[in-house]
C-alpha atoms as a PDB file:
ATOM      1  CA  UNK A   1      20.472  17.085   5.552  1.00  0.00           C
ATOM      2  CA  UNK A   2      20.732  19.397   2.570  1.00  0.00           C
ATOM      3  CA  UNK A   3      17.410  20.470   1.053  1.00  0.00           C
ATOM      4  CA  UNK A   4      16.691  21.539  -2.524  1.00  0.00           C
ATOM      5  CA  UNK A   5      13.190  22.685  -3.489  1.00  0.00           C
ATOM      6  CA  UNK A   6      11.833  22.420  -7.041  1.00  0.00           C
ATOM      7  CA  UNK A   7       8.491  23.903  -8.069  1.00  0.00           C
ATOM      8  CA  UNK A   8       8.310  23.427 -11.843  1.00  0.00           C
ATOM      9  CA  UNK A   9       7.277  21.464 -13.778  1.00  0.00           C
ATOM     10  CA  UNK A  10       6.134  19.617 -10.640  1.00  0.00           C
ATOM     11  CA  UNK A  11       6.707  20.288  -6.927  1.00  0.00           C
ATOM     12  CA  UNK A  12       9.297  18.047  -5.330  1.00  0.00           C
ATOM     13  CA  UNK A  13      11.994  18.093  -2.681  1.00  0.00           C
ATOM     14  CA  UNK A  14      15.502  16.680  -2.958  1.00  0.00           C
ATOM     15  CA  UNK A  15      17.357  15.900   0.264  1.00  0.00           C
ATOM     16  CA  UNK A  16      21.043  15.001   0.092  1.00  0.00           C
ATOM     17  CA  UNK A  17      22.957  13.360   2.950  1.00  0.00           C
ATOM     18  CA  UNK A  18      19.647  12.410   4.517  1.00  0.00           C
ATOM     19  CA  UNK A  19      21.307   9.733   6.674  1.00  0.00           C
ATOM     20  CA  UNK A  20      24.843   9.506   8.034  1.00  0.00           C
ATOM     21  CA  UNK A  21      27.493   7.742   5.956  1.00  0.00           C
ATOM     22  CA  UNK A  22      27.476   4.873   8.447  1.00  0.00           C
ATOM     23  CA  UNK A  23      23.697   4.499   8.259  1.00  0.00           C
ATOM     24  CA  UNK A  24      23.818   4.655   4.456  1.00  0.00           C
ATOM     25  CA  UNK A  25      26.344   1.809   4.350  1.00  0.00           C
ATOM     26  CA  UNK A  26      24.263  -0.252   6.787  1.00  0.00           C
ATOM     27  CA  UNK A  27      21.125   0.220   4.664  1.00  0.00           C
ATOM     28  CA  UNK A  28      23.005  -0.887   1.552  1.00  0.00           C
ATOM     29  CA  UNK A  29      24.512  -3.920   3.313  1.00  0.00           C
ATOM     30  CA  UNK A  30      21.047  -4.932   4.514  1.00  0.00           C
ATOM     31  CA  UNK A  31      19.646  -4.874   0.963  1.00  0.00           C
ATOM     32  CA  UNK A  32      22.507  -7.033  -0.328  1.00  0.00           C
ATOM     33  CA  UNK A  33      21.959  -9.459   2.559  1.00  0.00           C
ATOM     34  CA  UNK A  34      18.276  -9.681   1.558  1.00  0.00           C
ATOM     35  CA  UNK A  35      19.106 -10.680  -2.038  1.00  0.00           C
ATOM     36  CA  UNK A  36      16.984 -13.857  -1.926  1.00  0.00           C
ATOM     37  CA  UNK A  37      13.934 -11.845  -0.871  1.00  0.00           C
ATOM     38  CA  UNK A  38      13.834  -9.789  -4.090  1.00  0.00           C
ATOM     39  CA  UNK A  39      11.180 -10.847  -6.621  1.00  0.00           C
ATOM     40  CA  UNK A  40      10.019  -9.655 -10.027  1.00  0.00           C
ATOM     41  CA  UNK A  41       8.141  -6.381  -9.616  1.00  0.00           C
ATOM     42  CA  UNK A  42       4.404  -6.044 -10.178  1.00  0.00           C
ATOM     43  CA  UNK A  43       2.356  -3.236 -11.694  1.00  0.00           C
ATOM     44  CA  UNK A  44      -0.567  -2.072  -9.592  1.00  0.00           C
ATOM     45  CA  UNK A  45      -0.711  -5.405  -7.826  1.00  0.00           C
ATOM     46  CA  UNK A  46      -0.891  -7.468 -11.014  1.00  0.00           C
ATOM     47  CA  UNK A  47       1.639  -9.322 -13.179  1.00  0.00           C
ATOM     48  CA  UNK A  48       3.458 -10.570 -10.091  1.00  0.00           C
ATOM     49  CA  UNK A  49       6.575 -12.462 -11.107  1.00  0.00           C
ATOM     50  CA  UNK A  50       6.271 -11.529 -14.776  1.00  0.00           C
ATOM     51  CA  UNK A  51       8.713  -9.310 -16.671  1.00  0.00           C
ATOM     52  CA  UNK A  52       7.161  -6.824 -19.095  1.00  0.00           C
ATOM     53  CA  UNK A  53       8.391  -4.028 -21.328  1.00  0.00           C
ATOM     54  CA  UNK A  54       6.601  -1.619 -18.947  1.00  0.00           C
ATOM     55  CA  UNK A  55       8.506  -2.623 -15.815  1.00  0.00           C
ATOM     56  CA  UNK A  56      11.140  -5.310 -15.343  1.00  0.00           C
ATOM     57  CA  UNK A  57      13.092  -4.660 -12.135  1.00  0.00           C
ATOM     58  CA  UNK A  58      13.072  -6.552  -8.823  1.00  0.00           C
ATOM     59  CA  UNK A  59      11.667  -5.560  -5.433  1.00  0.00           C
ATOM     60  CA  UNK A  60      11.666  -6.650  -1.796  1.00  0.00           C
ATOM     61  CA  UNK A  61       8.689  -5.991   0.488  1.00  0.00           C
ATOM     62  CA  UNK A  62      10.308  -4.777   3.691  1.00  0.00           C
ATOM     63  CA  UNK A  63       7.069  -4.335   5.655  1.00  0.00           C
ATOM     64  CA  UNK A  64       6.345  -8.037   5.252  1.00  0.00           C
ATOM     65  CA  UNK A  65       9.963  -9.080   5.641  1.00  0.00           C
ATOM     66  CA  UNK A  66      10.245  -7.329   9.013  1.00  0.00           C
ATOM     67  CA  UNK A  67       6.610  -7.610  10.013  1.00  0.00           C
ATOM     68  CA  UNK A  68       7.377  -9.054  13.444  1.00  0.00           C
ATOM     69  CA  UNK A  69       9.923  -6.413  14.437  1.00  0.00           C
ATOM     70  CA  UNK A  70      10.707  -3.316  12.360  1.00  0.00           C
ATOM     71  CA  UNK A  71      13.614  -2.503  14.661  1.00  0.00           C
ATOM     72  CA  UNK A  72      15.521  -5.435  13.148  1.00  0.00           C
ATOM     73  CA  UNK A  73      15.729  -3.537   9.844  1.00  0.00           C
ATOM     74  CA  UNK A  74      18.359  -0.812   9.532  1.00  0.00           C
ATOM     75  CA  UNK A  75      16.282   0.912   6.849  1.00  0.00           C
ATOM     76  CA  UNK A  76      12.891   0.766   8.576  1.00  0.00           C
ATOM     77  CA  UNK A  77      14.231   1.775  11.981  1.00  0.00           C
ATOM     78  CA  UNK A  78      16.114   4.768  10.518  1.00  0.00           C
ATOM     79  CA  UNK A  79      13.026   5.737   8.533  1.00  0.00           C
ATOM     80  CA  UNK A  80      10.869   5.696  11.661  1.00  0.00           C
ATOM     81  CA  UNK A  81      13.351   7.975  13.447  1.00  0.00           C
ATOM     82  CA  UNK A  82      13.485  10.315  10.437  1.00  0.00           C
ATOM     83  CA  UNK A  83       9.689  10.666  10.378  1.00  0.00           C
ATOM     84  CA  UNK A  84       9.752  11.994  13.943  1.00  0.00           C
ATOM     85  CA  UNK A  85      12.678  14.399  13.461  1.00  0.00           C
ATOM     86  CA  UNK A  86      11.715  18.125  13.432  1.00  0.00           C
ATOM     87  CA  UNK A  87      14.494  18.934  10.946  1.00  0.00           C
ATOM     88  CA  UNK A  88      12.640  16.690   8.483  1.00  0.00           C
ATOM     89  CA  UNK A  89       8.944  16.957   9.341  1.00  0.00           C
ATOM     90  CA  UNK A  90       8.649  20.754   9.592  1.00  0.00           C
ATOM     91  CA  UNK A  91       9.988  21.531   6.079  1.00  0.00           C
ATOM     92  CA  UNK A  92       7.970  18.678   4.563  1.00  0.00           C
ATOM     93  CA  UNK A  93       4.773  19.645   6.372  1.00  0.00           C
ATOM     94  CA  UNK A  94       5.035  23.278   5.239  1.00  0.00           C
ATOM     95  CA  UNK A  95       5.885  22.510   1.614  1.00  0.00           C
ATOM     96  CA  UNK A  96       3.758  22.769  -1.519  1.00  0.00           C
ATOM     97  CA  UNK A  97       0.625  20.650  -1.993  1.00  0.00           C
ATOM     98  CA  UNK A  98       0.458  17.651  -2.085  1.00  0.00           C
ATOM     99  CA  UNK A  99       3.809  17.103  -0.328  1.00  0.00           C
ATOM    100  CA  UNK A 100       2.459  18.857   2.767  1.00  0.00           C
ATOM    101  CA  UNK A 101      -0.075  16.038   3.195  1.00  0.00           C
ATOM    102  CA  UNK A 102       2.760  14.269   4.990  1.00  0.00           C
ATOM    103  CA  UNK A 103       1.821  16.205   8.146  1.00  0.00           C
ATOM    104  CA  UNK A 104      -1.633  14.552   8.181  1.00  0.00           C
ATOM    105  CA  UNK A 105      -0.408  11.022   7.487  1.00  0.00           C
ATOM    106  CA  UNK A 106      -0.705   8.054   9.834  1.00  0.00           C
ATOM    107  CA  UNK A 107       0.467   5.273   7.527  1.00  0.00           C
ATOM    108  CA  UNK A 108       3.374   4.357   5.285  1.00  0.00           C
ATOM    109  CA  UNK A 109       4.489   1.298   3.338  1.00  0.00           C
ATOM    110  CA  UNK A 110       8.024   0.529   2.243  1.00  0.00           C
ATOM    111  CA  UNK A 111       9.513  -1.375  -0.662  1.00  0.00           C
ATOM    112  CA  UNK A 112      13.106  -1.638  -1.898  1.00  0.00           C
ATOM    113  CA  UNK A 113      13.801  -1.757  -5.647  1.00  0.00           C
ATOM    114  CA  UNK A 114      16.862  -2.928  -7.540  1.00  0.00           C
ATOM    115  CA  UNK A 115      17.512  -1.896 -11.166  1.00  0.00           C
ATOM    116  CA  UNK A 116      20.397  -2.905 -13.421  1.00  0.00           C
ATOM    117  CA  UNK A 117      21.687  -5.936 -15.355  1.00  0.00           C
ATOM    118  CA  UNK A 118      21.205  -5.607 -19.141  1.00  0.00           C
ATOM    119  CA  UNK A 119      18.712  -2.773 -18.844  1.00  0.00           C
ATOM    120  CA  UNK A 120      15.801  -2.436 -16.404  1.00  0.00           C
ATOM    121  CA  UNK A 121      13.257   0.378 -16.381  1.00  0.00           C
ATOM    122  CA  UNK A 122       9.802   1.489 -15.322  1.00  0.00           C
ATOM    123  CA  UNK A 123       7.816   3.558 -17.819  1.00  0.00           C
ATOM    124  CA  UNK A 124       5.725   6.577 -16.838  1.00  0.00           C
ATOM    125  CA  UNK A 125       3.276   5.788 -14.045  1.00  0.00           C
ATOM    126  CA  UNK A 126       1.749   7.171 -10.865  1.00  0.00           C
ATOM    127  CA  UNK A 127       1.953   5.575  -7.424  1.00  0.00           C
ATOM    128  CA  UNK A 128      -1.528   6.392  -6.114  1.00  0.00           C
ATOM    129  CA  UNK A 129      -4.454   4.050  -6.639  1.00  0.00           C
ATOM    130  CA  UNK A 130      -8.034   4.095  -5.329  1.00  0.00           C
ATOM    131  CA  UNK A 131      -7.545   5.126  -1.697  1.00  0.00           C
ATOM    132  CA  UNK A 132      -5.645   7.610   0.490  1.00  0.00           C
ATOM    133  CA  UNK A 133      -2.860   5.248   1.551  1.00  0.00           C
ATOM    134  CA  UNK A 134      -0.527   6.740  -1.040  1.00  0.00           C
ATOM    135  CA  UNK A 135      -0.570  10.536  -1.028  1.00  0.00           C
ATOM    136  CA  UNK A 136       3.164  11.279  -0.888  1.00  0.00           C
ATOM    137  CA  UNK A 137       6.074   9.275  -2.317  1.00  0.00           C
ATOM    138  CA  UNK A 138       9.594   9.291  -0.924  1.00  0.00           C
ATOM    139  CA  UNK A 139      12.375   7.615  -2.912  1.00  0.00           C
ATOM    140  CA  UNK A 140      15.743   7.075  -1.232  1.00  0.00           C
ATOM    141  CA  UNK A 141      18.779   6.052  -3.298  1.00  0.00           C
ATOM    142  CA  UNK A 142      21.700   3.970  -2.113  1.00  0.00           C
ATOM    143  CA  UNK A 143      24.402   2.030  -3.919  1.00  0.00           C
ATOM    144  CA  UNK A 144      27.890   0.625  -3.743  1.00  0.00           C
ATOM    145  CA  UNK A 145      30.683   3.199  -3.923  1.00  0.00           C
ATOM    146  CA  UNK A 146      32.058   3.853  -6.434  1.00  0.00           C
ATOM    147  CA  UNK A 147      28.858   3.507  -8.459  1.00  0.00           C
ATOM    148  CA  UNK A 148      28.851   0.616 -10.942  1.00  0.00           C
ATOM    149  CA  UNK A 149      25.524   1.163 -12.726  1.00  0.00           C
ATOM    150  CA  UNK A 150      24.690   3.489 -15.613  1.00  0.00           C
ATOM    151  CA  UNK A 151      21.428   5.281 -16.339  1.00  0.00           C
ATOM    152  CA  UNK A 152      18.523   4.936 -13.937  1.00  0.00           C
ATOM    153  CA  UNK A 153      17.561   8.620 -13.967  1.00  0.00           C
ATOM    154  CA  UNK A 154      14.100   9.465 -12.660  1.00  0.00           C
ATOM    155  CA  UNK A 155      11.960  11.662 -14.936  1.00  0.00           C
ATOM    156  CA  UNK A 156       8.934  13.738 -13.945  1.00  0.00           C
ATOM    157  CA  UNK A 157       6.263  15.269 -16.157  1.00  0.00           C
ATOM    158  CA  UNK A 158       3.126  17.319 -15.564  1.00  0.00           C
ATOM    159  CA  UNK A 159       1.646  15.951 -18.782  1.00  0.00           C
ATOM    160  CA  UNK A 160      -1.168  13.385 -18.524  1.00  0.00           C
ATOM    161  CA  UNK A 161       0.128   9.910 -19.350  1.00  0.00           C
ATOM    162  CA  UNK A 162      -1.268   6.949 -21.268  1.00  0.00           C
ATOM    163  CA  UNK A 163       0.267   3.492 -21.538  1.00  0.00           C
ATOM    164  CA  UNK A 164       3.533   4.661 -20.027  1.00  0.00           C
ATOM    165  CA  UNK A 165       4.009   7.713 -22.239  1.00  0.00           C
ATOM    166  CA  UNK A 166       3.313  11.464 -21.835  1.00  0.00           C
ATOM    167  CA  UNK A 167       0.376  12.612 -23.965  1.00  0.00           C
ATOM    168  CA  UNK A 168       1.545  16.237 -24.303  1.00  0.00           C
ATOM    169  CA  UNK A 169       4.705  15.999 -26.384  1.00  0.00           C
ATOM    170  CA  UNK A 170       5.462  19.701 -25.815  1.00  0.00           C
ATOM    171  CA  UNK A 171       6.191  19.124 -22.140  1.00  0.00           C
ATOM    172  CA  UNK A 172       9.862  18.699 -21.286  1.00  0.00           C
ATOM    173  CA  UNK A 173      10.483  16.284 -18.406  1.00  0.00           C
ATOM    174  CA  UNK A 174      12.423  17.140 -15.288  1.00  0.00           C
ATOM    175  CA  UNK A 175      15.372  14.732 -15.139  1.00  0.00           C
ATOM    176  CA  UNK A 176      17.063  13.874 -11.840  1.00  0.00           C
ATOM    177  CA  UNK A 177      20.169  11.713 -11.598  1.00  0.00           C
ATOM    178  CA  UNK A 178      20.174   9.472  -8.500  1.00  0.00           C
ATOM    179  CA  UNK A 179      22.926  10.035  -5.962  1.00  0.00           C
ATOM    180  CA  UNK A 180      23.937   7.778  -3.114  1.00  0.00           C
ATOM    181  CA  UNK A 181      22.247   8.803   0.170  1.00  0.00           C
ATOM    182  CA  UNK A 182      19.785  11.140  -1.574  1.00  0.00           C
ATOM    183  CA  UNK A 183      15.989  11.245  -1.254  1.00  0.00           C
ATOM    184  CA  UNK A 184      13.342  12.691  -3.581  1.00  0.00           C
ATOM    185  CA  UNK A 185       9.868  13.492  -2.230  1.00  0.00           C
ATOM    186  CA  UNK A 186       6.833  14.213  -4.446  1.00  0.00           C
ATOM    187  CA  UNK A 187       3.092  13.743  -4.744  1.00  0.00           C
ATOM    188  CA  UNK A 188       2.070  10.137  -5.300  1.00  0.00           C
ATOM    189  CA  UNK A 189      -0.061  11.141  -8.310  1.00  0.00           C
ATOM    190  CA  UNK A 190       2.879  12.844 -10.026  1.00  0.00           C
ATOM    191  CA  UNK A 191       3.758  11.003 -13.237  1.00  0.00           C
ATOM    192  CA  UNK A 192       7.328   9.705 -13.238  1.00  0.00           C
ATOM    193  CA  UNK A 193       9.508   7.018 -14.772  1.00  0.00           C
ATOM    194  CA  UNK A 194      12.876   5.263 -14.295  1.00  0.00           C
ATOM    195  CA  UNK A 195      15.136   5.270 -17.329  1.00  0.00           C
ATOM    196  CA  UNK A 196      16.901   2.203 -18.668  1.00  0.00           C
ATOM    197  CA  UNK A 197      19.453   1.064 -16.078  1.00  0.00           C
ATOM    198  CA  UNK A 198      22.479  -1.127 -16.793  1.00  0.00           C
ATOM    199  CA  UNK A 199      24.946  -2.696 -14.378  1.00  0.00           C
ATOM    200  CA  UNK A 200      27.130  -5.758 -13.860  1.00  0.00           C
ATOM    201  CA  UNK A 201      24.957  -8.771 -13.038  1.00  0.00           C
ATOM    202  CA  UNK A 202      26.442  -9.019  -9.549  1.00  0.00           C
ATOM    203  CA  UNK A 203      23.514  -8.103  -7.301  1.00  0.00           C
ATOM    204  CA  UNK A 204      25.411  -5.529  -5.235  1.00  0.00           C
ATOM    205  CA  UNK A 205      26.434  -3.544  -8.331  1.00  0.00           C
ATOM    206  CA  UNK A 206      22.901  -2.390  -9.154  1.00  0.00           C
ATOM    207  CA  UNK A 207      20.866   0.748  -8.489  1.00  0.00           C
ATOM    208  CA  UNK A 208      18.961   0.449  -5.216  1.00  0.00           C
ATOM    209  CA  UNK A 209      16.126   2.641  -4.025  1.00  0.00           C
ATOM    210  CA  UNK A 210      13.634   2.662  -1.198  1.00  0.00           C
ATOM    211  CA  UNK A 211      10.098   3.516  -2.234  1.00  0.00           C
ATOM    212  CA  UNK A 212       8.059   4.721   0.733  1.00  0.00           C
ATOM    213  CA  UNK A 213       4.414   5.663   0.184  1.00  0.00           C
ATOM    214  CA  UNK A 214       2.876   7.884   2.834  1.00  0.00           C
ATOM    215  CA  UNK A 215      -0.792   8.540   3.485  1.00  0.00           C
ATOM    216  CA  UNK A 216      -3.851   7.822   5.595  1.00  0.00           C
ATOM    217  CA  UNK A 217      -5.121   4.363   6.475  1.00  0.00           C
END
């Protein structure tokens, strides 16, 4: 694992080569195998199955999909091992607030997203709602090599947001380009967005990411 720490405009951690190349390929193959389980994404639990100009990608709910046995999922089983690995948990637990809330967590939920086709995006939003279940967000990127999609950068801002847009136009966003086998960790109330993403319509050619929300149940 190769760590990069960013403090401004918002605190976040980038981890490259977070899994082995073999594990990365297995996680990707699992997502492609689960193609039929991907549905239109929702926004805050509403608009299920409805495309909007705010968000129009597809997602698969891995916690439900592997509810009977998490060990059957390459992604979930590797994630569980990662969350008990000192090389991971000590740097995360001693990082800037609110990322360090990871050390107090006892709950996480996992979703896999796919962006691409003629242009899919998710405007500025936060991941946290009205409880403590989502305090820290971890996004893990994986894709077919060589990469076939374009765009899909993740942007962060410390500006307040309204209707998917930053309110303080003076603030310049932090722009991060996804890389295969890379994770980004940040506070769940940090405003962020996914830029327009284009790819061939073949499912496997898209931009895949795991969204894991960590907190207290």
